[in-house]
């Protein structure tokens, strides 16, 4: 009986989160990008200097991901973010593609925690992982950078494909959350661009145009990479 009740509560919670994710318009999605831009900029103003300019400059792609974890009795983690890739020839950034993250697990859980991730894709091969139905980055992120307590790392001699930077707030204790995934936020992308576009369409195939809000994010990335802001348009 208790197991059934836990399952029902979990299903209702995830259903609520999914419904909330669908009930967005383009203005709210613009606001989401602005919030991620602000968090990225705040990360770069940390005492340790944030992400080294060289790493940002060499990155072939970037993911900004904001997640929240919490719960009593059962746990859930849901989040959203954006991904962009850089054209190897023009060095322009693509339009932003919306992502979503969902995780769930049972166990004794207390407290809550927010995590903000900046994930740098350092090779062309790693950027193509973004078109997978469920984006798997863990195995390639062996050169993971630290969080606020561990400090920010730099690229290792083995030149990892992916660098992960994390800033977190809150405390969380309990079972490890399992069964999570990062995938395309299909509804968000459709609402934002007014058409049904895949991550490949947005990131690689020039089927979307960057918005002013995305251009602001690109300018911030270029600024902290000490890289010239080539063009307001990020069309590949």
Protein backbone atom coordinates (compact mmCIF):
# COMPACT_ATOMS: atom_id res chain seq x y z
CA UNK A 1 0.00 0.00 0.00
CA UNK A 2 2.77 2.42 0.92
CA UNK A 3 4.57 1.64 -2.32
CA UNK A 4 1.40 2.35 -4.30
CA UNK A 5 0.89 5.64 -2.48
CA UNK A 6 4.51 6.68 -3.13
CA UNK A 7 4.17 5.80 -6.80
CA UNK A 8 0.93 7.76 -7.08
CA UNK A 9 2.38 10.84 -5.38
CA UNK A 10 5.45 10.68 -7.58
CA UNK A 11 3.35 10.34 -10.73
CA UNK A 12 1.22 13.33 -9.73
CA UNK A 13 4.29 15.44 -9.00
CA UNK A 14 5.97 14.63 -12.30
CA UNK A 15 2.67 15.19 -14.10
CA UNK A 16 2.40 18.62 -12.50
CA UNK A 17 5.96 19.47 -13.50
CA UNK A 18 5.35 18.33 -17.06
CA UNK A 19 2.11 20.35 -17.30
CA UNK A 20 3.88 23.42 -15.96
CA UNK A 21 6.61 23.00 -18.55
CA UNK A 22 4.06 22.90 -21.36
CA UNK A 23 2.19 26.01 -20.22
CA UNK A 24 4.75 28.51 -21.51
CA UNK A 25 4.78 31.16 -24.17
CA UNK A 26 7.65 32.75 -26.09
CA UNK A 27 7.96 35.62 -23.60
CA UNK A 28 8.43 33.17 -20.73
CA UNK A 29 11.01 31.26 -22.74
CA UNK A 30 12.84 34.53 -23.42
CA UNK A 31 12.81 35.15 -19.68
CA UNK A 32 14.23 31.67 -19.11
CA UNK A 33 17.16 32.43 -21.41
CA UNK A 34 17.71 35.77 -19.66
CA UNK A 35 17.77 34.01 -16.28
CA UNK A 36 20.33 31.48 -17.53
CA UNK A 37 22.40 34.35 -18.95
CA UNK A 38 22.35 36.09 -15.56
CA UNK A 39 23.43 32.90 -13.80
CA UNK A 40 26.23 32.39 -16.30
CA UNK A 41 27.43 35.94 -15.73
CA UNK A 42 27.22 35.55 -11.95
CA UNK A 43 29.30 32.37 -12.22
CA UNK A 44 31.99 34.33 -14.07
CA UNK A 45 32.11 36.87 -11.21
CA UNK A 46 33.00 34.29 -8.57
CA UNK A 47 36.08 34.83 -6.43
CA UNK A 48 37.91 32.05 -8.29
CA UNK A 49 37.37 33.78 -11.62
CA UNK A 50 34.79 31.41 -13.05
CA UNK A 51 35.49 29.47 -16.23
CA UNK A 52 38.89 30.27 -17.79
CA UNK A 53 38.61 32.32 -20.98
CA UNK A 54 40.66 29.76 -22.88
CA UNK A 55 38.13 27.00 -22.14
CA UNK A 56 35.22 29.18 -23.26
CA UNK A 57 37.06 30.20 -26.40
CA UNK A 58 37.90 26.62 -27.37
CA UNK A 59 34.44 25.22 -26.64
CA UNK A 60 32.57 23.84 -29.64
CA UNK A 61 29.26 23.84 -27.77
CA UNK A 62 27.72 24.91 -24.49
CA UNK A 63 24.81 23.80 -22.31
CA UNK A 64 23.36 25.94 -19.52
CA UNK A 65 21.19 23.79 -17.27
CA UNK A 66 19.21 24.78 -14.18
CA UNK A 67 17.79 22.00 -11.98
CA UNK A 68 15.95 21.75 -8.66
CA UNK A 69 15.95 18.73 -6.36
CA UNK A 70 13.80 18.18 -3.30
CA UNK A 71 11.34 15.99 -1.54
CA UNK A 72 10.15 14.18 1.53
CA UNK A 73 9.81 10.39 1.31
CA UNK A 74 10.45 10.45 -2.45
CA UNK A 75 12.71 12.68 -4.49
CA UNK A 76 12.37 14.45 -7.78
CA UNK A 77 14.60 16.59 -9.88
CA UNK A 78 13.39 18.64 -12.78
CA UNK A 79 15.05 21.35 -14.74
CA UNK A 80 15.47 23.14 -18.00
CA UNK A 81 18.19 24.71 -20.03
CA UNK A 82 19.52 25.61 -23.44
CA UNK A 83 22.23 24.33 -25.74
CA UNK A 84 24.18 26.07 -28.50
CA UNK A 85 26.98 24.96 -30.82
CA UNK A 86 29.68 26.96 -32.60
CA UNK A 87 30.20 26.74 -36.35
CA UNK A 88 33.76 25.54 -37.01
CA UNK A 89 34.23 27.86 -40.00
CA UNK A 90 32.43 31.09 -39.08
CA UNK A 91 32.77 30.65 -35.29
CA UNK A 92 29.23 31.97 -34.97
CA UNK A 93 27.00 30.39 -32.32
CA UNK A 94 23.79 28.65 -33.33
CA UNK A 95 20.37 29.66 -32.03
CA UNK A 96 19.53 28.25 -28.61
CA UNK A 97 17.75 24.90 -28.40
CA UNK A 98 15.70 24.25 -25.27
CA UNK A 99 16.41 21.21 -23.11
CA UNK A 100 14.66 19.55 -20.18
CA UNK A 101 15.94 17.33 -17.37
CA UNK A 102 13.88 14.85 -15.38
CA UNK A 103 14.93 12.49 -12.60
CA UNK A 104 13.14 10.54 -9.90
CA UNK A 105 13.96 8.13 -7.08
CA UNK A 106 12.51 6.72 -3.87
CA UNK A 107 14.19 6.92 -0.51
CA UNK A 108 14.47 9.04 2.59
CA UNK A 109 14.88 12.58 1.32
CA UNK A 110 15.19 15.85 3.20
CA UNK A 111 15.86 19.38 2.16
CA UNK A 112 16.18 20.87 -1.29
CA UNK A 113 18.95 21.85 -3.65
CA UNK A 114 19.32 23.95 -6.75
CA UNK A 115 22.09 23.24 -9.23
CA UNK A 116 23.25 25.39 -12.12
CA UNK A 117 25.48 23.64 -14.64
CA UNK A 118 27.65 25.06 -17.38
CA UNK A 119 28.66 22.22 -19.67
CA UNK A 120 31.33 22.91 -22.29
CA UNK A 121 31.51 20.57 -25.27
CA UNK A 122 35.16 20.70 -26.29
CA UNK A 123 35.09 18.56 -29.46
CA UNK A 124 32.91 18.36 -32.55
CA UNK A 125 32.07 14.75 -31.66
CA UNK A 126 30.68 15.81 -28.29
CA UNK A 127 28.39 18.40 -29.89
CA UNK A 128 26.76 15.69 -31.99
CA UNK A 129 25.67 13.94 -28.80
CA UNK A 130 23.06 16.68 -28.56
CA UNK A 131 20.95 15.12 -31.31
CA UNK A 132 20.51 11.84 -29.39
CA UNK A 133 16.95 11.31 -28.05
CA UNK A 134 18.40 11.10 -24.52
CA UNK A 135 21.58 13.08 -24.18
CA UNK A 136 24.26 11.08 -22.37
CA UNK A 137 27.26 13.12 -21.25
CA UNK A 138 28.57 11.39 -18.13
CA UNK A 139 31.02 8.95 -19.72
CA UNK A 140 32.69 11.71 -21.74
CA UNK A 141 32.89 14.16 -18.85
CA UNK A 142 35.87 12.55 -17.15
CA UNK A 143 37.53 15.93 -16.86
CA UNK A 144 34.72 17.31 -14.77
CA UNK A 145 35.37 20.68 -13.19
CA UNK A 146 34.38 21.40 -9.62
CA UNK A 147 31.55 23.15 -7.82
CA UNK A 148 31.55 26.09 -5.45
CA UNK A 149 33.32 24.14 -2.73
CA UNK A 150 35.89 22.41 -4.90
CA UNK A 151 36.77 25.29 -7.17
CA UNK A 152 36.73 25.41 -10.95
CA UNK A 153 39.03 23.10 -12.85
CA UNK A 154 40.68 23.49 -16.23
CA UNK A 155 41.27 21.09 -19.07
CA UNK A 156 43.42 18.12 -18.14
CA UNK A 157 46.34 16.79 -20.22
CA UNK A 158 44.01 14.11 -21.62
CA UNK A 159 41.90 16.86 -23.20
CA UNK A 160 38.41 15.71 -22.07
CA UNK A 161 35.57 16.03 -24.53
CA UNK A 162 33.32 17.67 -21.96
CA UNK A 163 33.91 20.02 -19.03
CA UNK A 164 31.19 20.41 -16.41
CA UNK A 165 31.04 23.38 -14.05
CA UNK A 166 28.52 23.42 -11.24
CA UNK A 167 27.33 26.03 -8.79
CA UNK A 168 24.82 24.95 -6.17
CA UNK A 169 22.70 26.29 -3.35
CA UNK A 170 20.85 24.41 -0.62
CA UNK A 171 21.46 21.12 1.13
CA UNK A 172 20.21 17.69 0.17
CA UNK A 173 20.48 14.29 1.82
CA UNK A 174 19.12 10.93 0.76
CA UNK A 175 19.23 8.28 -1.90
CA UNK A 176 20.96 8.92 -5.18
CA UNK A 177 18.46 10.01 -7.80
CA UNK A 178 18.35 7.49 -10.63
CA UNK A 179 16.70 7.21 -13.99
CA UNK A 180 17.38 10.77 -15.08
CA UNK A 181 17.80 12.13 -18.56
CA UNK A 182 18.42 15.28 -20.55
CA UNK A 183 16.43 15.58 -23.74
CA UNK A 184 15.00 18.09 -26.16
CA UNK A 185 12.23 20.32 -24.86
CA UNK A 186 10.18 19.75 -28.00
CA UNK A 187 7.24 21.89 -26.88
CA UNK A 188 9.49 24.76 -25.80
CA UNK A 189 11.33 24.78 -29.12
CA UNK A 190 8.06 24.68 -31.06
CA UNK A 191 6.60 27.58 -29.10
CA UNK A 192 9.78 29.68 -29.30
CA UNK A 193 10.43 29.23 -33.02
CA UNK A 194 6.85 28.81 -34.20
CA UNK A 195 7.50 25.51 -35.94
CA UNK A 196 8.28 21.90 -35.11
CA UNK A 197 12.08 21.76 -35.05
CA UNK A 198 14.47 19.08 -33.83
CA UNK A 199 17.72 19.82 -32.01
CA UNK A 200 19.55 19.09 -35.25
CA UNK A 201 17.36 21.58 -37.12
CA UNK A 202 18.18 24.33 -34.62
CA UNK A 203 21.80 23.60 -33.80
CA UNK A 204 23.23 22.32 -37.07
CA UNK A 205 20.87 22.81 -40.03
CA UNK A 206 20.16 26.57 -39.95
CA UNK A 207 16.39 26.13 -39.75
CA UNK A 208 15.91 28.72 -36.98
CA UNK A 209 16.98 32.31 -36.51
CA UNK A 210 18.62 33.54 -33.28
CA UNK A 211 16.57 35.96 -31.22
CA UNK A 212 17.77 39.16 -29.56
CA UNK A 213 17.78 37.40 -26.18
CA UNK A 214 20.00 34.62 -27.51
CA UNK A 215 22.28 37.20 -29.12
CA UNK A 216 22.74 38.79 -25.68
CA UNK A 217 23.77 35.41 -24.26
CA UNK A 218 26.22 34.92 -27.12
CA UNK A 219 27.73 38.36 -26.49
CA UNK A 220 28.27 37.47 -22.82
CA UNK A 221 29.98 34.20 -23.73
CA UNK A 222 32.24 35.95 -26.24
CA UNK A 223 33.06 38.66 -23.72
CA UNK A 224 34.20 36.22 -21.03
CA UNK A 225 36.06 34.19 -23.67
CA UNK A 226 37.93 37.36 -24.65
CA UNK A 227 36.75 36.75 -28.19
CA UNK A 228 35.57 39.41 -30.64
CA UNK A 229 31.80 39.69 -31.05
CA UNK A 230 31.78 38.99 -34.77
CA UNK A 231 28.15 39.54 -35.67
CA UNK A 232 24.81 40.08 -33.99
CA UNK A 233 23.52 37.19 -36.11
CA UNK A 234 24.54 33.71 -35.08
CA UNK A 235 23.38 32.12 -38.29
CA UNK A 236 25.83 29.37 -39.27
